[in-house]
């Protein structure tokens, strides 16, 4: 028996994309002084939007690309201030999606128990 719906699937796909984005930002921060390291950027919103339009949110495929931002003298292009800001924004988005999922579960519980 399937409990979820397309909204739940979209939220689940969002969590996957946000998790990948968090991991990329953490890797970028860890390599801020690594010569030649290029920051990773994760995009999942476009793919998720298309997948939702097709009615298949779980088929969304996040993409990871190397940043083309200018590099410092050592060939590294990680901007620590941008990474920290992005990590904070990702955490807030993650919290919002989790709260939306919790709301879906509360609705389900209410419909089952009547309370």
C-alpha atoms as a PDB file:
ATOM      1  CA  UNK A   1       0.000   0.000   0.000  1.00  0.00           C
ATOM      2  CA  UNK A   2       1.365   3.388  -1.007  1.00  0.00           C
ATOM      3  CA  UNK A   3       0.973   6.167   1.546  1.00  0.00           C
ATOM      4  CA  UNK A   4       2.673   8.988  -0.323  1.00  0.00           C
ATOM      5  CA  UNK A   5       1.422  11.176  -3.136  1.00  0.00           C
ATOM      6  CA  UNK A   6       3.045  13.377  -5.743  1.00  0.00           C
ATOM      7  CA  UNK A   7       3.537  16.178  -3.203  1.00  0.00           C
ATOM      8  CA  UNK A   8       5.293  13.812  -0.830  1.00  0.00           C
ATOM      9  CA  UNK A   9       7.416  12.505  -3.715  1.00  0.00           C
ATOM     10  CA  UNK A  10       8.386  16.073  -4.673  1.00  0.00           C
ATOM     11  CA  UNK A  11       9.373  16.795  -1.077  1.00  0.00           C
ATOM     12  CA  UNK A  12      11.420  13.594  -0.965  1.00  0.00           C
ATOM     13  CA  UNK A  13      13.190  14.521  -4.220  1.00  0.00           C
ATOM     14  CA  UNK A  14      13.855  17.995  -2.796  1.00  0.00           C
ATOM     15  CA  UNK A  15      15.515  16.462   0.255  1.00  0.00           C
ATOM     16  CA  UNK A  16      17.752  14.386  -2.008  1.00  0.00           C
ATOM     17  CA  UNK A  17      18.806  17.451  -4.010  1.00  0.00           C
ATOM     18  CA  UNK A  18      19.358  19.535  -0.900  1.00  0.00           C
ATOM     19  CA  UNK A  19      21.428  16.731   0.626  1.00  0.00           C
ATOM     20  CA  UNK A  20      23.638  16.664  -2.457  1.00  0.00           C
ATOM     21  CA  UNK A  21      23.978  20.455  -2.342  1.00  0.00           C
ATOM     22  CA  UNK A  22      24.969  20.331   1.342  1.00  0.00           C
ATOM     23  CA  UNK A  23      27.572  17.660   0.634  1.00  0.00           C
ATOM     24  CA  UNK A  24      29.017  19.672  -2.263  1.00  0.00           C
ATOM     25  CA  UNK A  25      29.272  22.804  -0.098  1.00  0.00           C
ATOM     26  CA  UNK A  26      30.957  20.822   2.689  1.00  0.00           C
ATOM     27  CA  UNK A  27      33.441  19.380   0.186  1.00  0.00           C
ATOM     28  CA  UNK A  28      34.086  22.856  -1.212  1.00  0.00           C
ATOM     29  CA  UNK A  29      34.752  24.242   2.261  1.00  0.00           C
ATOM     30  CA  UNK A  30      37.044  21.326   3.094  1.00  0.00           C
ATOM     31  CA  UNK A  31      39.072  22.085  -0.045  1.00  0.00           C
ATOM     32  CA  UNK A  32      39.228  25.863   0.277  1.00  0.00           C
ATOM     33  CA  UNK A  33      43.061  25.753   0.319  1.00  0.00           C
ATOM     34  CA  UNK A  34      43.581  22.841  -2.094  1.00  0.00           C
ATOM     35  CA  UNK A  35      45.521  24.093  -5.122  1.00  0.00           C
ATOM     36  CA  UNK A  36      43.610  23.660  -8.373  1.00  0.00           C
ATOM     37  CA  UNK A  37      40.343  22.683  -6.689  1.00  0.00           C
ATOM     38  CA  UNK A  38      37.224  23.941  -8.445  1.00  0.00           C
ATOM     39  CA  UNK A  39      34.036  24.317  -6.430  1.00  0.00           C
ATOM     40  CA  UNK A  40      31.102  22.021  -7.174  1.00  0.00           C
ATOM     41  CA  UNK A  41      27.614  23.369  -7.824  1.00  0.00           C
ATOM     42  CA  UNK A  42      24.455  21.253  -7.525  1.00  0.00           C
ATOM     43  CA  UNK A  43      21.318  22.031  -9.479  1.00  0.00           C
ATOM     44  CA  UNK A  44      18.184  20.006  -8.940  1.00  0.00           C
ATOM     45  CA  UNK A  45      15.394  22.578  -9.160  1.00  0.00           C
ATOM     46  CA  UNK A  46      15.130  22.540 -12.980  1.00  0.00           C
ATOM     47  CA  UNK A  47      15.064  18.752 -13.124  1.00  0.00           C
ATOM     48  CA  UNK A  48      12.558  18.579 -10.259  1.00  0.00           C
ATOM     49  CA  UNK A  49      10.296  21.124 -11.952  1.00  0.00           C
ATOM     50  CA  UNK A  50      10.313  19.077 -15.175  1.00  0.00           C
ATOM     51  CA  UNK A  51       9.737  15.828 -13.294  1.00  0.00           C
ATOM     52  CA  UNK A  52       6.796  17.353 -11.421  1.00  0.00           C
ATOM     53  CA  UNK A  53       5.329  18.586 -14.712  1.00  0.00           C
ATOM     54  CA  UNK A  54       5.506  14.989 -15.993  1.00  0.00           C
ATOM     55  CA  UNK A  55       3.871  13.730 -12.784  1.00  0.00           C
ATOM     56  CA  UNK A  56       7.014  11.811 -11.786  1.00  0.00           C
ATOM     57  CA  UNK A  57       8.849  13.850  -9.127  1.00  0.00           C
ATOM     58  CA  UNK A  58      11.015  10.927  -8.028  1.00  0.00           C
ATOM     59  CA  UNK A  59      12.668  10.821 -11.463  1.00  0.00           C
ATOM     60  CA  UNK A  60      14.322  14.213 -10.867  1.00  0.00           C
ATOM     61  CA  UNK A  61      18.065  13.957 -11.362  1.00  0.00           C
ATOM     62  CA  UNK A  62      20.307  16.469  -9.606  1.00  0.00           C
ATOM     63  CA  UNK A  63      23.356  17.561 -11.563  1.00  0.00           C
ATOM     64  CA  UNK A  64      26.791  18.442 -10.235  1.00  0.00           C
ATOM     65  CA  UNK A  65      28.974  20.810 -12.231  1.00  0.00           C
ATOM     66  CA  UNK A  66      32.309  22.459 -11.600  1.00  0.00           C
ATOM     67  CA  UNK A  67      32.126  26.186 -10.955  1.00  0.00           C
ATOM     68  CA  UNK A  68      33.490  28.407 -13.706  1.00  0.00           C
ATOM     69  CA  UNK A  69      34.076  31.285 -11.273  1.00  0.00           C
ATOM     70  CA  UNK A  70      37.477  32.971 -11.478  1.00  0.00           C
ATOM     71  CA  UNK A  71      40.284  31.290  -9.589  1.00  0.00           C
ATOM     72  CA  UNK A  72      42.851  32.579  -7.148  1.00  0.00           C
ATOM     73  CA  UNK A  73      46.584  32.372  -7.852  1.00  0.00           C
ATOM     74  CA  UNK A  74      46.657  28.702  -6.770  1.00  0.00           C
ATOM     75  CA  UNK A  75      43.880  27.744  -9.238  1.00  0.00           C
ATOM     76  CA  UNK A  76      41.273  27.302  -6.492  1.00  0.00           C
ATOM     77  CA  UNK A  77      37.935  29.085  -6.882  1.00  0.00           C
ATOM     78  CA  UNK A  78      36.192  28.295  -3.582  1.00  0.00           C
ATOM     79  CA  UNK A  79      34.799  31.495  -2.034  1.00  0.00           C
ATOM     80  CA  UNK A  80      34.359  30.608   1.624  1.00  0.00           C
ATOM     81  CA  UNK A  81      31.847  33.400   2.325  1.00  0.00           C
ATOM     82  CA  UNK A  82      29.616  32.226  -0.538  1.00  0.00           C
ATOM     83  CA  UNK A  83      29.911  28.619   0.600  1.00  0.00           C
ATOM     84  CA  UNK A  84      28.895  29.442   4.184  1.00  0.00           C
ATOM     85  CA  UNK A  85      25.952  31.516   2.946  1.00  0.00           C
ATOM     86  CA  UNK A  86      24.897  28.728   0.580  1.00  0.00           C
ATOM     87  CA  UNK A  87      25.214  26.111   3.309  1.00  0.00           C
ATOM     88  CA  UNK A  88      23.019  28.191   5.608  1.00  0.00           C
ATOM     89  CA  UNK A  89      20.413  28.702   2.878  1.00  0.00           C
ATOM     90  CA  UNK A  90      20.440  24.977   2.106  1.00  0.00           C
ATOM     91  CA  UNK A  91      19.931  24.133   5.784  1.00  0.00           C
ATOM     92  CA  UNK A  92      16.965  26.510   5.987  1.00  0.00           C
ATOM     93  CA  UNK A  93      15.412  25.021   2.848  1.00  0.00           C
ATOM     94  CA  UNK A  94      15.966  21.540   4.250  1.00  0.00           C
ATOM     95  CA  UNK A  95      14.209  22.539   7.466  1.00  0.00           C
ATOM     96  CA  UNK A  96      11.277  23.934   5.456  1.00  0.00           C
ATOM     97  CA  UNK A  97      10.904  20.728   3.417  1.00  0.00           C
ATOM     98  CA  UNK A  98      11.063  18.561   6.542  1.00  0.00           C
ATOM     99  CA  UNK A  99       8.369  20.699   8.151  1.00  0.00           C
ATOM    100  CA  UNK A 100       6.194  20.293   5.042  1.00  0.00           C
ATOM    101  CA  UNK A 101       6.663  16.515   5.239  1.00  0.00           C
ATOM    102  CA  UNK A 102       5.762  16.573   8.925  1.00  0.00           C
ATOM    103  CA  UNK A 103       2.586  18.463   8.011  1.00  0.00           C
ATOM    104  CA  UNK A 104       1.698  15.746   5.496  1.00  0.00           C
ATOM    105  CA  UNK A 105       2.229  13.083   8.174  1.00  0.00           C
ATOM    106  CA  UNK A 106       0.079  15.019  10.670  1.00  0.00           C
ATOM    107  CA  UNK A 107      -2.724  15.157   8.092  1.00  0.00           C
ATOM    108  CA  UNK A 108      -2.404  11.430   7.498  1.00  0.00           C
ATOM    109  CA  UNK A 109      -2.444  10.693  11.232  1.00  0.00           C
ATOM    110  CA  UNK A 110      -5.500  12.898  11.685  1.00  0.00           C
ATOM    111  CA  UNK A 111      -7.338  11.154   8.848  1.00  0.00           C
ATOM    112  CA  UNK A 112      -6.537   7.739  10.321  1.00  0.00           C
ATOM    113  CA  UNK A 113      -7.188   8.452  14.002  1.00  0.00           C
ATOM    114  CA  UNK A 114      -9.744  11.247  13.692  1.00  0.00           C
ATOM    115  CA  UNK A 115      -7.764  13.310  16.174  1.00  0.00           C
END
